[in-house]
């Protein structure tokens, strides 16, 4: 999507996940495009049949290099998919390679893994530059650091892409935890801040949680056009112009990180005599309003990656929420891709 927004035209795609393919083919008109399901089964002859290509975009799976994974790198079969991308490059000889991975790729095995990547690109005929970019600096409220690598075909008169300088002072603000303990999946976020990195969770309560204020009545369109339910909720993390979306908010037990005690949210608070030591830090002799916790919806996770609602709506027609969550976590942020693509 980011490439097309910058004026590029897609000529083909490879995707092995059948659910991701369903979403992709629901969103885009892929008629006439070359495609394959498993990149490891594509023959060299078939690759040659693709024809002229200016850019190869590749997001080789990050699990092989991620700090969160076992970090086996090229020992993991998923890590070898990088070499499949390079096989395509050696045959098609595009002017640019456009690659993405987790930030941990840079220091995996004390830098040896990244050295192999650079050496392989060099052997195929590509000079490389790279930069770590954070989604929060590109118009979406998500803290997501990823390394982007640009390969320049030697003697193809390509121009330098990095650095792309952006700065955003917004930060993640953690209000509390769903239970005592400080695992990321238990964190409750302040909706006036930014989201933690959207991961490849598939429901099950692992989605980011936000604190929403109760006792509000439906009023107009609300922030970004959201429509509140009859119980009334304040708006939460959004990007772009969201369509009306009623929200059901379950009650949770939250661990108050300020007062070091448990409280059950959903009830109106009481008048406090000790000012800003209340859960809400409402101020001297303020009223501690009732708060409740809810998970981010799949739509919100897609928004956090820069996707417009019309794209999410098409994907939602063909996939379950668990798959939509997973696809949001596996995606790259559209806004960043667009900024890089404009420079290609």
Protein backbone atom coordinates (compact mmCIF):
# COMPACT_ATOMS: atom_id res chain seq x y z
CA UNK A 1 0.00 0.00 0.00
CA UNK A 2 2.80 2.42 0.86
CA UNK A 3 4.55 1.69 -2.44
CA UNK A 4 1.39 2.26 -4.47
CA UNK A 5 0.62 5.49 -2.59
CA UNK A 6 4.03 6.71 -3.77
CA UNK A 7 3.24 5.86 -7.40
CA UNK A 8 4.76 2.41 -7.80
CA UNK A 9 2.87 -0.44 -9.50
CA UNK A 10 2.82 -3.98 -8.14
CA UNK A 11 3.67 -6.69 -10.70
CA UNK A 12 3.69 -9.71 -8.41
CA UNK A 13 3.64 -11.06 -4.85
CA UNK A 14 4.50 -14.15 -2.81
CA UNK A 15 2.64 -15.14 0.36
CA UNK A 16 2.53 -18.56 2.01
CA UNK A 17 -0.02 -17.78 4.74
CA UNK A 18 -3.46 -18.58 3.31
CA UNK A 19 -5.24 -16.14 5.63
CA UNK A 20 -2.89 -13.28 4.77
CA UNK A 21 -3.46 -14.04 1.07
CA UNK A 22 -7.22 -13.80 1.60
CA UNK A 23 -6.89 -10.34 3.12
CA UNK A 24 -4.36 -9.19 0.52
CA UNK A 25 -6.46 -10.34 -2.42
CA UNK A 26 -9.59 -8.81 -0.89
CA UNK A 27 -7.91 -5.41 -0.55
CA UNK A 28 -6.06 -5.22 -3.88
CA UNK A 29 -6.96 -5.93 -7.49
CA UNK A 30 -4.34 -8.59 -8.26
CA UNK A 31 -5.67 -9.57 -11.70
CA UNK A 32 -2.81 -10.20 -14.10
CA UNK A 33 -0.13 -10.13 -11.40
CA UNK A 34 2.43 -12.90 -11.04
CA UNK A 35 2.06 -14.81 -7.79
CA UNK A 36 3.35 -17.80 -5.85
CA UNK A 37 2.54 -19.33 -2.48
CA UNK A 38 5.89 -20.74 -1.32
CA UNK A 39 9.00 -18.85 -2.42
CA UNK A 40 11.20 -21.91 -1.88
CA UNK A 41 9.34 -23.84 -4.59
CA UNK A 42 9.61 -21.15 -7.29
CA UNK A 43 11.94 -22.19 -10.10
CA UNK A 44 14.52 -19.88 -11.65
CA UNK A 45 12.63 -20.15 -14.94
CA UNK A 46 9.44 -18.95 -13.30
CA UNK A 47 11.30 -15.99 -11.78
CA UNK A 48 12.59 -14.99 -15.22
CA UNK A 49 8.99 -15.00 -16.43
CA UNK A 50 8.16 -12.09 -14.13
CA UNK A 51 9.95 -9.72 -16.48
CA UNK A 52 11.14 -6.17 -15.80
CA UNK A 53 11.21 -5.23 -12.13
CA UNK A 54 12.55 -2.02 -10.57
CA UNK A 55 12.20 -2.93 -6.88
CA UNK A 56 11.99 -6.11 -4.84
CA UNK A 57 10.35 -5.58 -1.43
CA UNK A 58 11.03 -8.27 1.12
CA UNK A 59 10.04 -8.69 4.72
CA UNK A 60 11.85 -11.93 5.51
CA UNK A 61 10.42 -13.37 8.75
CA UNK A 62 11.72 -11.66 11.84
CA UNK A 63 11.26 -14.64 14.16
CA UNK A 64 14.68 -15.96 13.21
CA UNK A 65 16.36 -12.77 14.37
CA UNK A 66 14.02 -11.34 16.99
CA UNK A 67 15.11 -10.88 20.58
CA UNK A 68 11.75 -12.40 21.55
CA UNK A 69 12.51 -15.59 19.62
CA UNK A 70 15.24 -18.17 20.01
CA UNK A 71 17.53 -16.01 17.85
CA UNK A 72 18.94 -18.93 15.90
CA UNK A 73 19.32 -16.75 12.82
CA UNK A 74 20.41 -18.65 9.74
CA UNK A 75 20.24 -21.91 11.68
CA UNK A 76 16.47 -21.39 11.64
CA UNK A 77 14.92 -22.36 8.30
CA UNK A 78 12.88 -19.17 8.35
CA UNK A 79 16.08 -17.17 8.33
CA UNK A 80 17.13 -18.73 5.04
CA UNK A 81 14.27 -16.96 3.26
CA UNK A 82 16.60 -13.98 2.97
CA UNK A 83 18.65 -16.05 0.53
CA UNK A 84 15.51 -16.74 -1.51
CA UNK A 85 14.99 -12.99 -1.86
CA UNK A 86 18.58 -12.69 -3.03
CA UNK A 87 17.98 -15.48 -5.55
CA UNK A 88 15.17 -13.39 -7.04
CA UNK A 89 17.48 -10.37 -7.08
CA UNK A 90 20.28 -12.23 -8.84
CA UNK A 91 17.90 -13.16 -11.66
CA UNK A 92 15.71 -10.05 -11.99
CA UNK A 93 18.44 -7.47 -11.25
CA UNK A 94 16.13 -4.71 -9.98
CA UNK A 95 17.63 -1.29 -9.32
CA UNK A 96 16.61 -1.44 -5.66
CA UNK A 97 16.11 -3.98 -2.90
CA UNK A 98 13.81 -2.80 -0.10
CA UNK A 99 14.08 -5.01 3.00
CA UNK A 100 12.66 -4.82 6.53
CA UNK A 101 13.31 -6.61 9.78
CA UNK A 102 13.34 -6.22 13.55
CA UNK A 103 15.92 -3.93 15.12
CA UNK A 104 17.55 -6.95 16.79
CA UNK A 105 18.82 -8.10 13.40
CA UNK A 106 21.65 -5.56 13.67
CA UNK A 107 23.26 -7.10 16.76
CA UNK A 108 22.28 -10.74 16.36
CA UNK A 109 25.28 -13.00 17.03
CA UNK A 110 27.36 -9.90 17.82
CA UNK A 111 26.70 -8.53 14.34
CA UNK A 112 27.77 -11.66 12.45
CA UNK A 113 24.29 -12.28 11.03
CA UNK A 114 24.04 -8.76 9.62
CA UNK A 115 27.56 -9.06 8.22
CA UNK A 116 26.46 -12.17 6.30
CA UNK A 117 23.46 -10.25 4.94
CA UNK A 118 25.66 -7.36 3.76
CA UNK A 119 28.26 -9.72 2.31
CA UNK A 120 25.58 -11.65 0.40
CA UNK A 121 24.10 -8.44 -1.04
CA UNK A 122 27.59 -7.37 -2.07
CA UNK A 123 28.26 -10.68 -3.82
CA UNK A 124 25.01 -10.36 -5.79
CA UNK A 125 25.99 -6.83 -6.83
CA UNK A 126 24.21 -4.56 -4.35
CA UNK A 127 25.59 -1.81 -2.15
CA UNK A 128 23.60 -1.40 1.07
CA UNK A 129 22.45 1.38 3.37
CA UNK A 130 20.16 1.01 6.35
CA UNK A 131 18.41 2.91 9.09
CA UNK A 132 16.26 2.18 12.16
CA UNK A 133 12.94 4.03 11.92
CA UNK A 134 10.19 4.27 14.53
CA UNK A 135 6.53 4.30 13.46
CA UNK A 136 5.70 6.92 16.09
CA UNK A 137 7.66 9.46 14.05
CA UNK A 138 5.56 8.92 10.93
CA UNK A 139 2.04 9.85 11.94
CA UNK A 140 0.82 6.78 13.83
CA UNK A 141 0.75 6.46 17.66
CA UNK A 142 2.73 3.22 17.87
CA UNK A 143 6.22 2.66 19.25
CA UNK A 144 7.61 0.30 16.61
CA UNK A 145 11.31 0.30 15.78
CA UNK A 146 12.34 -1.59 12.65
CA UNK A 147 15.46 -1.67 10.52
CA UNK A 148 14.99 -0.85 6.84
CA UNK A 149 17.66 -1.88 4.36
CA UNK A 150 18.02 -0.46 0.85
CA UNK A 151 20.14 -2.33 -1.68
CA UNK A 152 21.45 -0.29 -4.63
CA UNK A 153 22.30 -2.18 -7.83
CA UNK A 154 25.88 -1.27 -8.54
CA UNK A 155 26.34 1.23 -11.41
CA UNK A 156 22.54 1.69 -11.74
CA UNK A 157 22.68 5.41 -10.86
CA UNK A 158 20.43 5.06 -7.81
CA UNK A 159 20.28 7.76 -5.15
CA UNK A 160 20.81 7.58 -1.40
CA UNK A 161 17.66 7.15 0.68
CA UNK A 162 18.73 7.52 4.32
CA UNK A 163 18.70 9.22 6.72
CA UNK A 164 15.05 10.20 7.01
CA UNK A 165 14.96 12.52 9.98
CA UNK A 166 11.74 12.60 11.98
CA UNK A 167 11.17 13.29 15.66
CA UNK A 168 8.15 12.80 17.88
CA UNK A 169 8.17 13.61 21.58
CA UNK A 170 5.11 11.46 22.35
CA UNK A 171 5.80 8.48 24.55
CA UNK A 172 4.11 5.38 25.98
CA UNK A 173 2.32 6.18 29.23
CA UNK A 174 1.52 3.16 31.37
CA UNK A 175 -1.38 3.77 33.76
CA UNK A 176 -1.24 0.43 35.55
CA UNK A 177 -1.40 -3.33 35.10
CA UNK A 178 -4.26 -5.82 34.84
CA UNK A 179 -2.71 -7.86 37.61
CA UNK A 180 0.23 -7.54 39.91
CA UNK A 181 3.36 -7.97 37.89
CA UNK A 182 4.83 -6.06 34.99
CA UNK A 183 4.60 -8.22 31.88
CA UNK A 184 3.87 -6.18 28.76
CA UNK A 185 0.64 -8.07 28.10
CA UNK A 186 -0.68 -6.82 31.46
CA UNK A 187 0.09 -3.15 30.82
CA UNK A 188 -2.74 -0.63 30.70
CA UNK A 189 -1.98 2.33 28.45
CA UNK A 190 -3.07 5.93 28.66
CA UNK A 191 -4.93 6.68 25.38
CA UNK A 192 -3.38 10.16 25.26
CA UNK A 193 0.02 8.53 24.72
CA UNK A 194 1.14 6.05 22.08
CA UNK A 195 0.71 2.30 21.78
CA UNK A 196 3.33 -0.33 22.47
CA UNK A 197 4.54 -2.25 19.43
CA UNK A 198 1.72 -4.24 17.79
CA UNK A 199 2.78 -7.88 17.94
CA UNK A 200 1.61 -11.00 16.16
CA UNK A 201 -0.83 -11.99 18.88
CA UNK A 202 -4.07 -13.73 17.89
CA UNK A 203 -6.46 -12.59 20.58
CA UNK A 204 -6.55 -14.41 23.88
CA UNK A 205 -6.20 -11.22 25.90
CA UNK A 206 -2.72 -10.42 24.56
CA UNK A 207 -3.85 -7.28 22.74
CA UNK A 208 -2.73 -3.88 24.10
CA UNK A 209 -5.12 -2.50 26.74
CA UNK A 210 -6.20 1.10 27.18
CA UNK A 211 -7.82 2.98 30.02
CA UNK A 212 -11.18 4.47 29.02
CA UNK A 213 -13.21 6.93 31.02
CA UNK A 214 -16.75 5.95 31.96
CA UNK A 215 -19.94 7.92 32.55
CA UNK A 216 -19.88 9.83 29.24
CA UNK A 217 -23.01 10.20 27.13
CA UNK A 218 -23.05 9.73 23.36
CA UNK A 219 -22.24 13.10 21.87
CA UNK A 220 -21.95 13.84 18.17
CA UNK A 221 -19.26 12.10 16.24
CA UNK A 222 -16.61 12.16 18.95
CA UNK A 223 -12.90 11.91 18.21
CA UNK A 224 -12.22 10.88 14.60
CA UNK A 225 -15.88 10.07 14.05
CA UNK A 226 -16.17 7.32 16.66
CA UNK A 227 -19.61 6.56 18.01
CA UNK A 228 -19.89 5.61 21.68
CA UNK A 229 -22.17 2.97 23.07
CA UNK A 230 -25.05 3.65 25.48
CA UNK A 231 -22.79 3.37 28.53
CA UNK A 232 -20.47 5.96 27.06
CA UNK A 233 -16.71 5.71 26.62
CA UNK A 234 -14.02 8.22 25.86
CA UNK A 235 -12.15 7.82 22.57
CA UNK A 236 -9.00 5.72 22.47
CA UNK A 237 -5.94 5.39 20.25
CA UNK A 238 -6.83 6.21 16.66
CA UNK A 239 -5.23 7.15 13.37
CA UNK A 240 -6.68 8.84 10.29
CA UNK A 241 -10.49 9.17 10.13
CA UNK A 242 -12.15 6.23 11.82
CA UNK A 243 -15.69 5.20 11.03
CA UNK A 244 -18.32 4.94 13.76
CA UNK A 245 -17.58 1.93 15.89
CA UNK A 246 -19.50 0.84 18.97
CA UNK A 247 -17.26 -0.57 21.67
CA UNK A 248 -18.09 -3.17 24.30
CA UNK A 249 -15.90 -2.82 27.35
CA UNK A 250 -15.56 -5.70 29.83
CA UNK A 251 -14.68 -5.15 33.48
CA UNK A 252 -11.15 -6.03 34.54
CA UNK A 253 -9.30 -6.03 37.80
CA UNK A 254 -6.47 -3.52 37.45
CA UNK A 255 -3.38 -3.13 39.63
CA UNK A 256 -3.02 0.54 40.53
CA UNK A 257 0.67 1.26 40.00
CA UNK A 258 0.44 4.54 41.91
CA UNK A 259 -1.29 3.36 45.08
CA UNK A 260 0.08 -0.21 44.94
CA UNK A 261 -3.30 -1.81 45.43
CA UNK A 262 -5.92 -3.66 43.46
CA UNK A 263 -9.10 -2.00 42.33
CA UNK A 264 -12.02 -3.16 40.24
CA UNK A 265 -12.80 -0.61 37.59
CA UNK A 266 -16.20 0.21 36.15
CA UNK A 267 -17.54 1.98 39.27
CA UNK A 268 -17.74 5.70 39.80
CA UNK A 269 -14.99 6.87 42.11
CA UNK A 270 -15.47 8.74 45.35
CA UNK A 271 -14.46 12.22 46.45
CA UNK A 272 -10.92 12.17 47.75
CA UNK A 273 -9.49 14.35 50.50
CA UNK A 274 -5.87 13.80 49.64
CA UNK A 275 -5.85 15.41 46.20
CA UNK A 276 -3.61 13.98 43.54
CA UNK A 277 -2.82 10.71 45.29
CA UNK A 278 -5.99 9.27 43.79
CA UNK A 279 -5.85 6.76 40.97
CA UNK A 280 -6.68 9.42 38.41
CA UNK A 281 -4.42 12.12 39.86
CA UNK A 282 -7.40 14.44 39.46
CA UNK A 283 -6.00 17.23 41.62
CA UNK A 284 -6.62 18.59 45.09
CA UNK A 285 -9.98 17.49 46.48
CA UNK A 286 -10.89 16.22 43.04
CA UNK A 287 -13.33 13.53 42.09
CA UNK A 288 -11.80 10.21 41.08
CA UNK A 289 -13.85 9.30 38.03
CA UNK A 290 -14.65 5.71 37.22
CA UNK A 291 -12.37 4.03 34.69
CA UNK A 292 -12.52 0.75 32.82
CA UNK A 293 -10.09 -1.24 30.73
CA UNK A 294 -10.58 -2.66 27.28
CA UNK A 295 -8.46 -4.25 24.57
CA UNK A 296 -7.61 -2.57 21.32
CA UNK A 297 -9.85 -3.82 18.53
CA UNK A 298 -8.48 -5.36 15.31
CA UNK A 299 -9.54 -2.20 13.48
CA UNK A 300 -7.50 -0.04 15.85
CA UNK A 301 -4.46 -2.29 15.42
CA UNK A 302 -4.74 -1.88 11.64
CA UNK A 303 -5.02 1.87 12.11
CA UNK A 304 -1.86 1.78 14.21
CA UNK A 305 -0.11 0.35 11.14
CA UNK A 306 -1.45 3.15 8.94
CA UNK A 307 -4.14 1.20 7.08
CA UNK A 308 -7.32 3.06 6.11
CA UNK A 309 -10.62 1.67 7.35
CA UNK A 310 -11.77 0.71 3.86
CA UNK A 311 -8.86 -1.76 3.62
CA UNK A 312 -9.63 -3.22 7.03
CA UNK A 313 -13.31 -3.59 6.13
CA UNK A 314 -12.42 -5.67 3.07
CA UNK A 315 -10.08 -7.88 5.07
CA UNK A 316 -12.64 -8.30 7.84
CA UNK A 317 -15.12 -9.80 5.38
CA UNK A 318 -12.80 -12.72 4.68
CA UNK A 319 -10.95 -13.28 7.99
CA UNK A 320 -11.53 -13.78 11.70
CA UNK A 321 -10.47 -11.29 14.36
CA UNK A 322 -7.62 -13.55 15.48
CA UNK A 323 -6.17 -13.52 11.95
CA UNK A 324 -6.68 -9.76 11.64
CA UNK A 325 -4.72 -9.23 14.87
CA UNK A 326 -1.93 -11.46 13.58
CA UNK A 327 -1.81 -9.67 10.23
CA UNK A 328 -1.56 -6.27 11.93
CA UNK A 329 1.42 -7.49 13.95
CA UNK A 330 3.11 -9.02 10.91
CA UNK A 331 2.61 -5.98 8.72
CA UNK A 332 4.90 -3.03 8.16
CA UNK A 333 3.71 0.50 8.88
CA UNK A 334 2.26 1.97 5.68
CA UNK A 335 3.39 5.51 6.51
CA UNK A 336 7.06 4.55 6.74
CA UNK A 337 6.96 2.56 3.51
CA UNK A 338 5.40 5.53 1.75
CA UNK A 339 8.11 7.92 2.93
CA UNK A 340 10.86 5.57 1.75
CA UNK A 341 9.06 4.69 -1.49
CA UNK A 342 8.84 8.38 -2.46
CA UNK A 343 12.64 8.45 -2.51
CA UNK A 344 13.13 5.36 -4.67
